[in-house]
Amino acid sequence: MFERFTKDARAAVVLAQEIAREASSASIGPEHVALGVLDVDGSGARALRDAGIDPASVADRLRDMVRESGLDADALASLGIDLERVSRSADTLFGTGALERAGRALRGKGRRGSHIPFTADAKKALELSLREALRLQDNEINDRHVLLGVLRGGGPAAEALTGTGTQVATVRTALETRPEAA
């Protein structure tokens, strides 16, 4: 399937892997894939702009999702630990992002360059990107198709793509009709 990916779509998948690795994620999810597409800033990001959605805001929401996936705040709260308070204290004592850096250092030992698998949802989003390309009668899978696959797959990453108050149909239409060259 990857042989059908355009340069931007391939770059997005590579970026998704790098984002997951930098975040010390155990796997690559749809949020990493969508973030990779937005970081490439190709036709998919332009289509979101056309729909009135700020790709930078979507990327911020996705980055928050990636960051939060490292520690389960609800599980810690059940033990009486307020993750937000601990994070603020660590930031005050050791600088902004201290807790995140420490977790990355601990989880990343021995993992540099190692393979990070795609989650079932990320695989589904990539498969759906192929289906979207076929449905639109496109010969290649570009970054717009990848975003359509994430959107069609549903879940938190899809919700981040629609922004606040934007209809899914509006986003789909913008992604489906965006000309490749801009």
N, C-alpha and C. Protein backbone atom coordinates (compact mmCIF):
# COMPACT_ATOMS: atom_id res chain seq x y z
N MET A 1 0.82 -1.19 0.00
CA MET A 1 0.00 0.00 0.00
C MET A 1 0.87 1.26 0.00
N PHE A 2 1.99 1.25 0.72
CA PHE A 2 2.80 2.46 0.84
C PHE A 2 3.41 2.91 -0.48
N GLU A 3 3.49 1.99 -1.46
CA GLU A 3 4.02 2.39 -2.76
C GLU A 3 3.08 3.37 -3.45
N ARG A 4 1.82 3.43 -3.04
CA ARG A 4 0.85 4.37 -3.62
C ARG A 4 0.86 5.73 -2.93
N PHE A 5 1.60 5.86 -1.84
CA PHE A 5 1.64 7.11 -1.09
C PHE A 5 2.47 8.14 -1.85
N THR A 6 1.98 9.38 -1.84
CA THR A 6 2.74 10.48 -2.43
C THR A 6 3.89 10.85 -1.49
N LYS A 7 4.75 11.72 -1.97
CA LYS A 7 5.89 12.18 -1.16
C LYS A 7 5.42 12.77 0.18
N ASP A 8 4.39 13.64 0.14
CA ASP A 8 3.88 14.24 1.37
C ASP A 8 3.26 13.21 2.31
N ALA A 9 2.54 12.25 1.77
CA ALA A 9 1.93 11.22 2.62
C ALA A 9 3.00 10.34 3.27
N ARG A 10 4.03 10.00 2.51
CA ARG A 10 5.14 9.22 3.10
C ARG A 10 5.86 10.02 4.18
N ALA A 11 6.08 11.29 3.89
CA ALA A 11 6.75 12.16 4.88
C ALA A 11 5.92 12.24 6.16
N ALA A 12 4.60 12.27 6.03
CA ALA A 12 3.72 12.33 7.19
C ALA A 12 3.85 11.08 8.04
N VAL A 13 3.94 9.91 7.41
CA VAL A 13 4.07 8.65 8.15
C VAL A 13 5.43 8.59 8.85
N VAL A 14 6.47 9.05 8.17
CA VAL A 14 7.80 9.09 8.79
C VAL A 14 7.79 10.04 9.98
N LEU A 15 7.16 11.20 9.81
CA LEU A 15 7.05 12.16 10.92
C LEU A 15 6.25 11.57 12.08
N ALA A 16 5.20 10.81 11.77
CA ALA A 16 4.40 10.16 12.82
C ALA A 16 5.28 9.25 13.67
N GLN A 17 6.18 8.52 13.01
CA GLN A 17 7.10 7.64 13.73
C GLN A 17 8.05 8.46 14.61
N GLU A 18 8.57 9.56 14.06
CA GLU A 18 9.48 10.41 14.83
C GLU A 18 8.77 11.04 16.02
N ILE A 19 7.55 11.49 15.81
CA ILE A 19 6.77 12.11 16.89
C ILE A 19 6.52 11.09 18.00
N ALA A 20 6.16 9.88 17.62
CA ALA A 20 5.93 8.82 18.62
C ALA A 20 7.22 8.50 19.37
N ARG A 21 8.33 8.42 18.65
CA ARG A 21 9.61 8.12 19.28
C ARG A 21 10.02 9.23 20.26
N GLU A 22 9.88 10.50 19.83
CA GLU A 22 10.24 11.62 20.70
C GLU A 22 9.37 11.67 21.95
N ALA A 23 8.12 11.25 21.82
CA ALA A 23 7.20 11.24 22.96
C ALA A 23 7.33 9.97 23.79
N SER A 24 8.24 9.09 23.39
CA SER A 24 8.42 7.80 24.05
C SER A 24 7.12 7.00 24.08
N SER A 25 6.34 7.13 23.03
CA SER A 25 5.09 6.37 22.92
C SER A 25 5.43 4.92 22.61
N ALA A 26 4.64 4.03 23.14
CA ALA A 26 4.84 2.60 22.90
C ALA A 26 4.38 2.20 21.51
N SER A 27 3.51 3.03 20.89
CA SER A 27 2.97 2.72 19.57
C SER A 27 2.62 4.01 18.84
N ILE A 28 2.36 3.88 17.56
CA ILE A 28 1.98 5.01 16.71
C ILE A 28 0.47 4.96 16.53
N GLY A 29 -0.21 5.98 17.00
CA GLY A 29 -1.66 6.04 16.90
C GLY A 29 -2.11 7.02 15.83
N PRO A 30 -3.42 7.10 15.60
CA PRO A 30 -3.96 8.05 14.61
C PRO A 30 -3.57 9.49 14.91
N GLU A 31 -3.42 9.81 16.20
CA GLU A 31 -3.03 11.18 16.57
C GLU A 31 -1.63 11.50 16.06
N HIS A 32 -0.72 10.52 16.10
CA HIS A 32 0.63 10.71 15.56
C HIS A 32 0.58 10.89 14.04
N VAL A 33 -0.26 10.08 13.39
CA VAL A 33 -0.38 10.14 11.93
C VAL A 33 -0.94 11.50 11.51
N ALA A 34 -2.03 11.94 12.16
CA ALA A 34 -2.63 13.24 11.82
C ALA A 34 -1.64 14.37 12.08
N LEU A 35 -0.92 14.28 13.18
CA LEU A 35 0.08 15.29 13.50
C LEU A 35 1.19 15.31 12.46
N GLY A 36 1.58 14.14 11.98
CA GLY A 36 2.57 14.07 10.91
C GLY A 36 2.10 14.78 9.66
N VAL A 37 0.82 14.58 9.30
CA VAL A 37 0.26 15.25 8.12
C VAL A 37 0.29 16.76 8.32
N LEU A 38 -0.11 17.22 9.48
CA LEU A 38 -0.14 18.67 9.73
C LEU A 38 1.26 19.26 9.73
N ASP A 39 2.23 18.52 10.24
CA ASP A 39 3.61 19.01 10.27
C ASP A 39 4.22 19.08 8.87
N VAL A 40 3.75 18.24 7.95
CA VAL A 40 4.21 18.30 6.56
C VAL A 40 3.70 19.58 5.91
N ASP A 41 2.52 20.05 6.35
CA ASP A 41 1.91 21.28 5.87
C ASP A 41 1.68 21.27 4.36
N GLY A 42 1.11 20.17 3.89
CA GLY A 42 0.80 20.03 2.47
C GLY A 42 -0.65 20.35 2.18
N SER A 43 -1.21 19.67 1.20
CA SER A 43 -2.58 19.96 0.76
C SER A 43 -3.61 19.64 1.84
N GLY A 44 -3.33 18.69 2.71
CA GLY A 44 -4.27 18.37 3.79
C GLY A 44 -4.42 19.54 4.76
N ALA A 45 -3.30 20.13 5.16
CA ALA A 45 -3.34 21.28 6.07
C ALA A 45 -4.01 22.48 5.37
N ARG A 46 -3.72 22.66 4.08
CA ARG A 46 -4.35 23.76 3.34
C ARG A 46 -5.86 23.56 3.26
N ALA A 47 -6.30 22.32 3.09
CA ALA A 47 -7.73 22.03 3.03
C ALA A 47 -8.41 22.36 4.36
N LEU A 48 -7.74 22.06 5.47
CA LEU A 48 -8.30 22.42 6.77
C LEU A 48 -8.44 23.93 6.89
N ARG A 49 -7.42 24.66 6.44
CA ARG A 49 -7.49 26.12 6.47
C ARG A 49 -8.70 26.61 5.65
N ASP A 50 -8.91 25.99 4.49
CA ASP A 50 -10.04 26.36 3.63
C ASP A 50 -11.37 26.11 4.34
N ALA A 51 -11.41 25.13 5.23
CA ALA A 51 -12.63 24.83 5.98
C ALA A 51 -12.77 25.72 7.21
N GLY A 52 -11.82 26.65 7.38
CA GLY A 52 -11.88 27.56 8.52
C GLY A 52 -11.28 26.99 9.79
N ILE A 53 -10.47 25.95 9.64
CA ILE A 53 -9.84 25.32 10.79
C ILE A 53 -8.35 25.67 10.78
N ASP A 54 -7.85 26.10 11.92
CA ASP A 54 -6.44 26.44 12.04
C ASP A 54 -5.63 25.17 12.30
N PRO A 55 -4.82 24.75 11.31
CA PRO A 55 -4.02 23.52 11.51
C PRO A 55 -3.12 23.58 12.74
N ALA A 56 -2.62 24.77 13.09
CA ALA A 56 -1.76 24.89 14.27
C ALA A 56 -2.53 24.57 15.55
N SER A 57 -3.80 24.99 15.61
CA SER A 57 -4.64 24.68 16.79
C SER A 57 -4.92 23.19 16.87
N VAL A 58 -5.19 22.59 15.72
CA VAL A 58 -5.43 21.14 15.68
C VAL A 58 -4.16 20.42 16.13
N ALA A 59 -3.01 20.87 15.61
CA ALA A 59 -1.74 20.26 15.98
C ALA A 59 -1.49 20.38 17.49
N ASP A 60 -1.85 21.52 18.06
CA ASP A 60 -1.69 21.69 19.51
C ASP A 60 -2.55 20.69 20.27
N ARG A 61 -3.80 20.49 19.84
CA ARG A 61 -4.68 19.52 20.50
C ARG A 61 -4.11 18.11 20.36
N LEU A 62 -3.60 17.80 19.17
CA LEU A 62 -3.02 16.47 18.96
C LEU A 62 -1.76 16.28 19.80
N ARG A 63 -0.92 17.31 19.90
CA ARG A 63 0.29 17.22 20.73
C ARG A 63 -0.09 17.00 22.20
N ASP A 64 -1.17 17.66 22.65
CA ASP A 64 -1.64 17.43 24.02
C ASP A 64 -2.06 15.97 24.20
N MET A 65 -2.73 15.41 23.20
CA MET A 65 -3.15 14.01 23.26
C MET A 65 -1.93 13.10 23.36
N VAL A 66 -0.92 13.38 22.55
CA VAL A 66 0.30 12.57 22.56
C VAL A 66 0.99 12.68 23.91
N ARG A 67 1.07 13.89 24.42
CA ARG A 67 1.72 14.12 25.72
C ARG A 67 0.97 13.42 26.84
N GLU A 68 -0.35 13.50 26.83
CA GLU A 68 -1.17 12.91 27.89
C GLU A 68 -1.21 11.40 27.82
N SER A 69 -0.89 10.84 26.66
CA SER A 69 -0.96 9.38 26.54
C SER A 69 0.14 8.69 27.33
N GLY A 70 1.16 9.44 27.74
CA GLY A 70 2.25 8.85 28.50
C GLY A 70 1.88 8.49 29.93
N LEU A 71 1.08 9.32 30.57
CA LEU A 71 0.67 9.06 31.95
C LEU A 71 -0.85 9.09 32.03
N ASP A 72 -1.43 8.15 32.73
CA ASP A 72 -2.88 8.08 32.87
C ASP A 72 -3.30 8.89 34.10
N ALA A 73 -3.75 10.12 33.84
CA ALA A 73 -4.12 11.02 34.93
C ALA A 73 -5.23 10.45 35.79
N ASP A 74 -6.20 9.77 35.17
CA ASP A 74 -7.31 9.19 35.94
C ASP A 74 -6.83 8.07 36.88
N ALA A 75 -5.92 7.24 36.36
CA ALA A 75 -5.40 6.15 37.20
C ALA A 75 -4.61 6.72 38.37
N LEU A 76 -3.82 7.75 38.10
CA LEU A 76 -3.06 8.38 39.19
C LEU A 76 -3.99 9.06 40.19
N ALA A 77 -5.07 9.70 39.70
CA ALA A 77 -6.02 10.36 40.58
C ALA A 77 -6.69 9.36 41.52
N SER A 78 -6.91 8.13 41.03
CA SER A 78 -7.52 7.11 41.88
C SER A 78 -6.60 6.73 43.04
N LEU A 79 -5.31 7.05 42.89
CA LEU A 79 -4.35 6.81 43.97
C LEU A 79 -4.11 8.06 44.81
N GLY A 80 -4.86 9.13 44.48
CA GLY A 80 -4.71 10.37 45.23
C GLY A 80 -3.61 11.27 44.68
N ILE A 81 -3.17 11.03 43.48
CA ILE A 81 -2.10 11.83 42.88
C ILE A 81 -2.70 12.75 41.82
N ASP A 82 -2.52 14.06 41.99
CA ASP A 82 -3.00 15.04 41.02
C ASP A 82 -1.87 15.31 40.03
N LEU A 83 -1.96 14.69 38.85
CA LEU A 83 -0.90 14.77 37.85
C LEU A 83 -0.62 16.22 37.45
N GLU A 84 -1.66 17.01 37.32
CA GLU A 84 -1.48 18.42 36.93
C GLU A 84 -0.68 19.18 37.98
N ARG A 85 -0.97 18.94 39.25
CA ARG A 85 -0.24 19.61 40.34
C ARG A 85 1.21 19.14 40.38
N VAL A 86 1.43 17.85 40.21
CA VAL A 86 2.80 17.31 40.20
C VAL A 86 3.58 17.91 39.03
N SER A 87 2.94 18.00 37.88
CA SER A 87 3.58 18.56 36.70
C SER A 87 3.95 20.02 36.91
N ARG A 88 3.03 20.80 37.50
CA ARG A 88 3.33 22.22 37.78
C ARG A 88 4.49 22.35 38.76
N SER A 89 4.51 21.51 39.77
CA SER A 89 5.61 21.56 40.76
C SER A 89 6.94 21.20 40.11
N ALA A 90 6.94 20.18 39.29
CA ALA A 90 8.17 19.80 38.59
C ALA A 90 8.65 20.92 37.68
N ASP A 91 7.70 21.56 36.98
CA ASP A 91 8.06 22.68 36.11
C ASP A 91 8.68 23.82 36.90
N THR A 92 8.10 24.10 38.07
CA THR A 92 8.62 25.18 38.91
C THR A 92 10.03 24.87 39.41
N LEU A 93 10.23 23.65 39.86
CA LEU A 93 11.52 23.27 40.42
C LEU A 93 12.61 23.02 39.38
N PHE A 94 12.23 22.39 38.26
CA PHE A 94 13.25 21.92 37.31
C PHE A 94 13.12 22.50 35.90
N GLY A 95 12.14 23.39 35.69
CA GLY A 95 11.96 24.00 34.37
C GLY A 95 10.80 23.37 33.62
N THR A 96 10.26 24.14 32.70
CA THR A 96 9.11 23.71 31.91
C THR A 96 9.38 22.39 31.20
N GLY A 97 8.42 21.46 31.33
CA GLY A 97 8.52 20.16 30.66
C GLY A 97 9.41 19.15 31.37
N ALA A 98 9.78 19.42 32.63
CA ALA A 98 10.70 18.55 33.36
C ALA A 98 10.15 17.13 33.51
N LEU A 99 8.88 17.01 33.88
CA LEU A 99 8.29 15.69 34.08
C LEU A 99 8.25 14.91 32.76
N GLU A 100 7.92 15.60 31.70
CA GLU A 100 7.89 14.96 30.38
C GLU A 100 9.28 14.50 29.96
N ARG A 101 10.29 15.35 30.18
CA ARG A 101 11.68 14.98 29.83
C ARG A 101 12.15 13.78 30.64
N ALA A 102 11.81 13.76 31.92
CA ALA A 102 12.23 12.65 32.78
C ALA A 102 11.58 11.35 32.33
N GLY A 103 10.30 11.40 32.01
CA GLY A 103 9.61 10.20 31.55
C GLY A 103 10.17 9.71 30.23
N ARG A 104 10.48 10.64 29.35
CA ARG A 104 11.05 10.28 28.06
C ARG A 104 12.40 9.61 28.25
N ALA A 105 13.20 10.14 29.16
CA ALA A 105 14.54 9.57 29.40
C ALA A 105 14.43 8.16 29.98
N LEU A 106 13.48 7.96 30.90
CA LEU A 106 13.32 6.63 31.51
C LEU A 106 12.76 5.61 30.53
N ARG A 107 11.72 6.03 29.79
CA ARG A 107 11.09 5.09 28.85
C ARG A 107 11.94 4.85 27.63
N GLY A 108 12.77 5.82 27.27
CA GLY A 108 13.52 5.72 26.03
C GLY A 108 14.80 4.92 26.12
N LYS A 109 15.21 4.52 27.32
CA LYS A 109 16.46 3.76 27.46
C LYS A 109 16.41 2.49 26.64
N GLY A 110 17.38 2.36 25.75
CA GLY A 110 17.48 1.15 24.95
C GLY A 110 16.49 1.08 23.79
N ARG A 111 15.69 2.16 23.60
CA ARG A 111 14.68 2.11 22.54
C ARG A 111 15.05 2.95 21.33
N ARG A 112 16.10 3.74 21.43
CA ARG A 112 16.45 4.63 20.33
C ARG A 112 16.62 3.83 19.04
N GLY A 113 15.89 4.23 18.03
CA GLY A 113 15.99 3.56 16.75
C GLY A 113 15.21 2.26 16.67
N SER A 114 14.59 1.84 17.76
CA SER A 114 13.85 0.59 17.72
C SER A 114 12.51 0.79 17.01
N HIS A 115 11.94 -0.30 16.56
CA HIS A 115 10.68 -0.26 15.83
C HIS A 115 9.53 0.09 16.78
N ILE A 116 8.68 1.00 16.35
CA ILE A 116 7.47 1.34 17.10
C ILE A 116 6.29 0.88 16.24
N PRO A 117 5.47 -0.01 16.76
CA PRO A 117 4.36 -0.54 15.95
C PRO A 117 3.20 0.46 15.84
N PHE A 118 2.42 0.32 14.80
CA PHE A 118 1.20 1.10 14.63
C PHE A 118 0.10 0.44 15.45
N THR A 119 -0.76 1.25 16.06
CA THR A 119 -1.92 0.71 16.75
C THR A 119 -2.91 0.20 15.71
N ALA A 120 -3.87 -0.59 16.15
CA ALA A 120 -4.92 -1.06 15.25
C ALA A 120 -5.68 0.11 14.64
N ASP A 121 -5.92 1.16 15.44
CA ASP A 121 -6.64 2.33 14.94
C ASP A 121 -5.83 3.09 13.90
N ALA A 122 -4.51 3.18 14.07
CA ALA A 122 -3.67 3.84 13.08
C ALA A 122 -3.63 3.04 11.79
N LYS A 123 -3.52 1.71 11.92
CA LYS A 123 -3.55 0.86 10.72
C LYS A 123 -4.88 1.03 9.99
N LYS A 124 -5.96 1.07 10.77
CA LYS A 124 -7.28 1.26 10.17
C LYS A 124 -7.35 2.59 9.43
N ALA A 125 -6.83 3.66 10.04
CA ALA A 125 -6.84 4.98 9.39
C ALA A 125 -6.07 4.95 8.08
N LEU A 126 -4.93 4.26 8.06
CA LEU A 126 -4.13 4.17 6.83
C LEU A 126 -4.85 3.33 5.77
N GLU A 127 -5.50 2.26 6.19
CA GLU A 127 -6.30 1.46 5.25
C GLU A 127 -7.46 2.28 4.70
N LEU A 128 -8.09 3.05 5.58
CA LEU A 128 -9.20 3.89 5.15
C LEU A 128 -8.72 5.00 4.20
N SER A 129 -7.47 5.42 4.33
CA SER A 129 -6.94 6.42 3.40
C SER A 129 -6.87 5.83 1.99
N LEU A 130 -6.53 4.56 1.89
CA LEU A 130 -6.55 3.88 0.59
C LEU A 130 -7.98 3.83 0.05
N ARG A 131 -8.92 3.47 0.90
CA ARG A 131 -10.32 3.41 0.47
C ARG A 131 -10.83 4.77 0.02
N GLU A 132 -10.40 5.82 0.75
CA GLU A 132 -10.81 7.17 0.37
C GLU A 132 -10.24 7.54 -1.00
N ALA A 133 -8.99 7.20 -1.25
CA ALA A 133 -8.37 7.49 -2.55
C ALA A 133 -9.12 6.75 -3.66
N LEU A 134 -9.46 5.48 -3.42
CA LEU A 134 -10.20 4.71 -4.41
C LEU A 134 -11.59 5.29 -4.64
N ARG A 135 -12.24 5.67 -3.55
CA ARG A 135 -13.59 6.25 -3.65
C ARG A 135 -13.57 7.54 -4.48
N LEU A 136 -12.51 8.32 -4.31
CA LEU A 136 -12.39 9.59 -5.03
C LEU A 136 -11.75 9.40 -6.42
N GLN A 137 -11.47 8.14 -6.76
CA GLN A 137 -10.88 7.76 -8.04
C GLN A 137 -9.52 8.41 -8.26
N ASP A 138 -8.73 8.48 -7.20
CA ASP A 138 -7.36 8.98 -7.27
C ASP A 138 -6.42 7.80 -7.34
N ASN A 139 -5.37 7.94 -8.13
CA ASN A 139 -4.40 6.84 -8.30
C ASN A 139 -3.40 6.75 -7.17
N GLU A 140 -3.20 7.87 -6.47
CA GLU A 140 -2.23 7.90 -5.37
C GLU A 140 -2.94 8.24 -4.07
N ILE A 141 -2.27 7.92 -2.97
CA ILE A 141 -2.77 8.28 -1.64
C ILE A 141 -1.95 9.48 -1.19
N ASN A 142 -2.63 10.62 -1.05
CA ASN A 142 -1.91 11.82 -0.61
C ASN A 142 -2.27 12.13 0.84
N ASP A 143 -1.72 13.22 1.35
CA ASP A 143 -1.94 13.55 2.76
C ASP A 143 -3.40 13.90 3.06
N ARG A 144 -4.15 14.39 2.07
CA ARG A 144 -5.59 14.63 2.27
C ARG A 144 -6.31 13.32 2.52
N HIS A 145 -5.95 12.28 1.77
CA HIS A 145 -6.57 10.96 1.95
C HIS A 145 -6.25 10.41 3.34
N VAL A 146 -5.03 10.66 3.81
CA VAL A 146 -4.64 10.19 5.14
C VAL A 146 -5.52 10.86 6.20
N LEU A 147 -5.72 12.18 6.07
CA LEU A 147 -6.59 12.88 7.02
C LEU A 147 -8.03 12.37 6.91
N LEU A 148 -8.49 12.10 5.69
CA LEU A 148 -9.83 11.53 5.52
C LEU A 148 -9.92 10.17 6.21
N GLY A 149 -8.86 9.37 6.13
CA GLY A 149 -8.83 8.07 6.80
C GLY A 149 -8.90 8.21 8.31
N VAL A 150 -8.15 9.17 8.84
CA VAL A 150 -8.20 9.42 10.29
C VAL A 150 -9.59 9.88 10.68
N LEU A 151 -10.15 10.78 9.89
CA LEU A 151 -11.49 11.31 10.18
C LEU A 151 -12.54 10.21 10.13
N ARG A 152 -12.46 9.38 9.11
CA ARG A 152 -13.42 8.28 8.94
C ARG A 152 -13.26 7.22 10.04
N GLY A 153 -12.04 7.07 10.56
CA GLY A 153 -11.79 6.10 11.62
C GLY A 153 -12.40 6.49 12.95
N GLY A 154 -12.72 7.77 13.11
CA GLY A 154 -13.33 8.26 14.35
C GLY A 154 -12.33 8.32 15.49
N GLY A 155 -12.83 8.56 16.68
CA GLY A 155 -12.00 8.64 17.87
C GLY A 155 -11.47 10.03 18.14
N PRO A 156 -10.65 10.17 19.18
CA PRO A 156 -10.14 11.47 19.59
C PRO A 156 -9.35 12.21 18.52
N ALA A 157 -8.56 11.51 17.73
CA ALA A 157 -7.78 12.19 16.68
C ALA A 157 -8.73 12.80 15.64
N ALA A 158 -9.78 12.09 15.30
CA ALA A 158 -10.77 12.62 14.35
C ALA A 158 -11.48 13.83 14.94
N GLU A 159 -11.78 13.76 16.22
CA GLU A 159 -12.43 14.89 16.90
C GLU A 159 -11.52 16.12 16.89
N ALA A 160 -10.22 15.91 17.06
CA ALA A 160 -9.28 17.03 17.03
C ALA A 160 -9.26 17.69 15.66
N LEU A 161 -9.46 16.91 14.60
CA LEU A 161 -9.45 17.45 13.24
C LEU A 161 -10.64 18.36 12.96
N THR A 162 -11.76 18.09 13.59
CA THR A 162 -12.95 18.89 13.30
C THR A 162 -12.94 20.21 14.05
N GLY A 163 -12.09 20.35 15.04
CA GLY A 163 -12.05 21.61 15.77
C GLY A 163 -13.29 21.80 16.60
N THR A 164 -13.40 22.96 17.16
CA THR A 164 -14.57 23.23 18.00
C THR A 164 -15.68 23.81 17.13
N GLY A 165 -16.79 23.11 17.09
CA GLY A 165 -17.96 23.59 16.39
C GLY A 165 -17.98 23.37 14.89
N THR A 166 -16.98 22.73 14.33
CA THR A 166 -16.96 22.49 12.89
C THR A 166 -17.61 21.14 12.60
N GLN A 167 -18.45 21.11 11.61
CA GLN A 167 -19.13 19.88 11.23
C GLN A 167 -18.17 18.95 10.49
N VAL A 168 -18.28 17.65 10.76
CA VAL A 168 -17.45 16.65 10.09
C VAL A 168 -17.63 16.76 8.57
N ALA A 169 -18.87 16.97 8.12
CA ALA A 169 -19.15 17.06 6.69
C ALA A 169 -18.37 18.22 6.05
N THR A 170 -18.23 19.32 6.76
CA THR A 170 -17.49 20.48 6.24
C THR A 170 -16.02 20.12 6.04
N VAL A 171 -15.45 19.43 7.01
CA VAL A 171 -14.04 19.02 6.92
C VAL A 171 -13.88 18.01 5.79
N ARG A 172 -14.76 17.04 5.73
CA ARG A 172 -14.68 16.02 4.66
C ARG A 172 -14.75 16.68 3.29
N THR A 173 -15.68 17.60 3.11
CA THR A 173 -15.83 18.26 1.82
C THR A 173 -14.57 19.04 1.46
N ALA A 174 -14.01 19.75 2.42
CA ALA A 174 -12.78 20.51 2.15
C ALA A 174 -11.64 19.57 1.76
N LEU A 175 -11.52 18.44 2.44
CA LEU A 175 -10.45 17.49 2.13
C LEU A 175 -10.68 16.79 0.80
N GLU A 176 -11.92 16.54 0.46
CA GLU A 176 -12.24 15.85 -0.78
C GLU A 176 -12.08 16.72 -2.01
N THR A 177 -12.31 18.01 -1.86
CA THR A 177 -12.33 18.89 -3.03
C THR A 177 -11.09 19.73 -3.19
N ARG A 178 -10.17 19.66 -2.25
CA ARG A 178 -8.96 20.48 -2.31
C ARG A 178 -8.11 20.07 -3.48
N PRO A 179 -7.80 21.01 -4.41
CA PRO A 179 -6.88 20.66 -5.51
C PRO A 179 -5.49 20.36 -4.97
N GLU A 180 -4.82 19.45 -5.60
CA GLU A 180 -3.49 19.01 -5.14
C GLU A 180 -2.49 20.15 -5.19
N ALA A 181 -2.46 20.89 -6.24
CA ALA A 181 -1.50 21.99 -6.36
C ALA A 181 -2.15 23.25 -5.81
N ALA A 182 -1.40 23.98 -4.99
CA ALA A 182 -1.95 25.21 -4.43
C ALA A 182 -0.96 26.32 -4.53
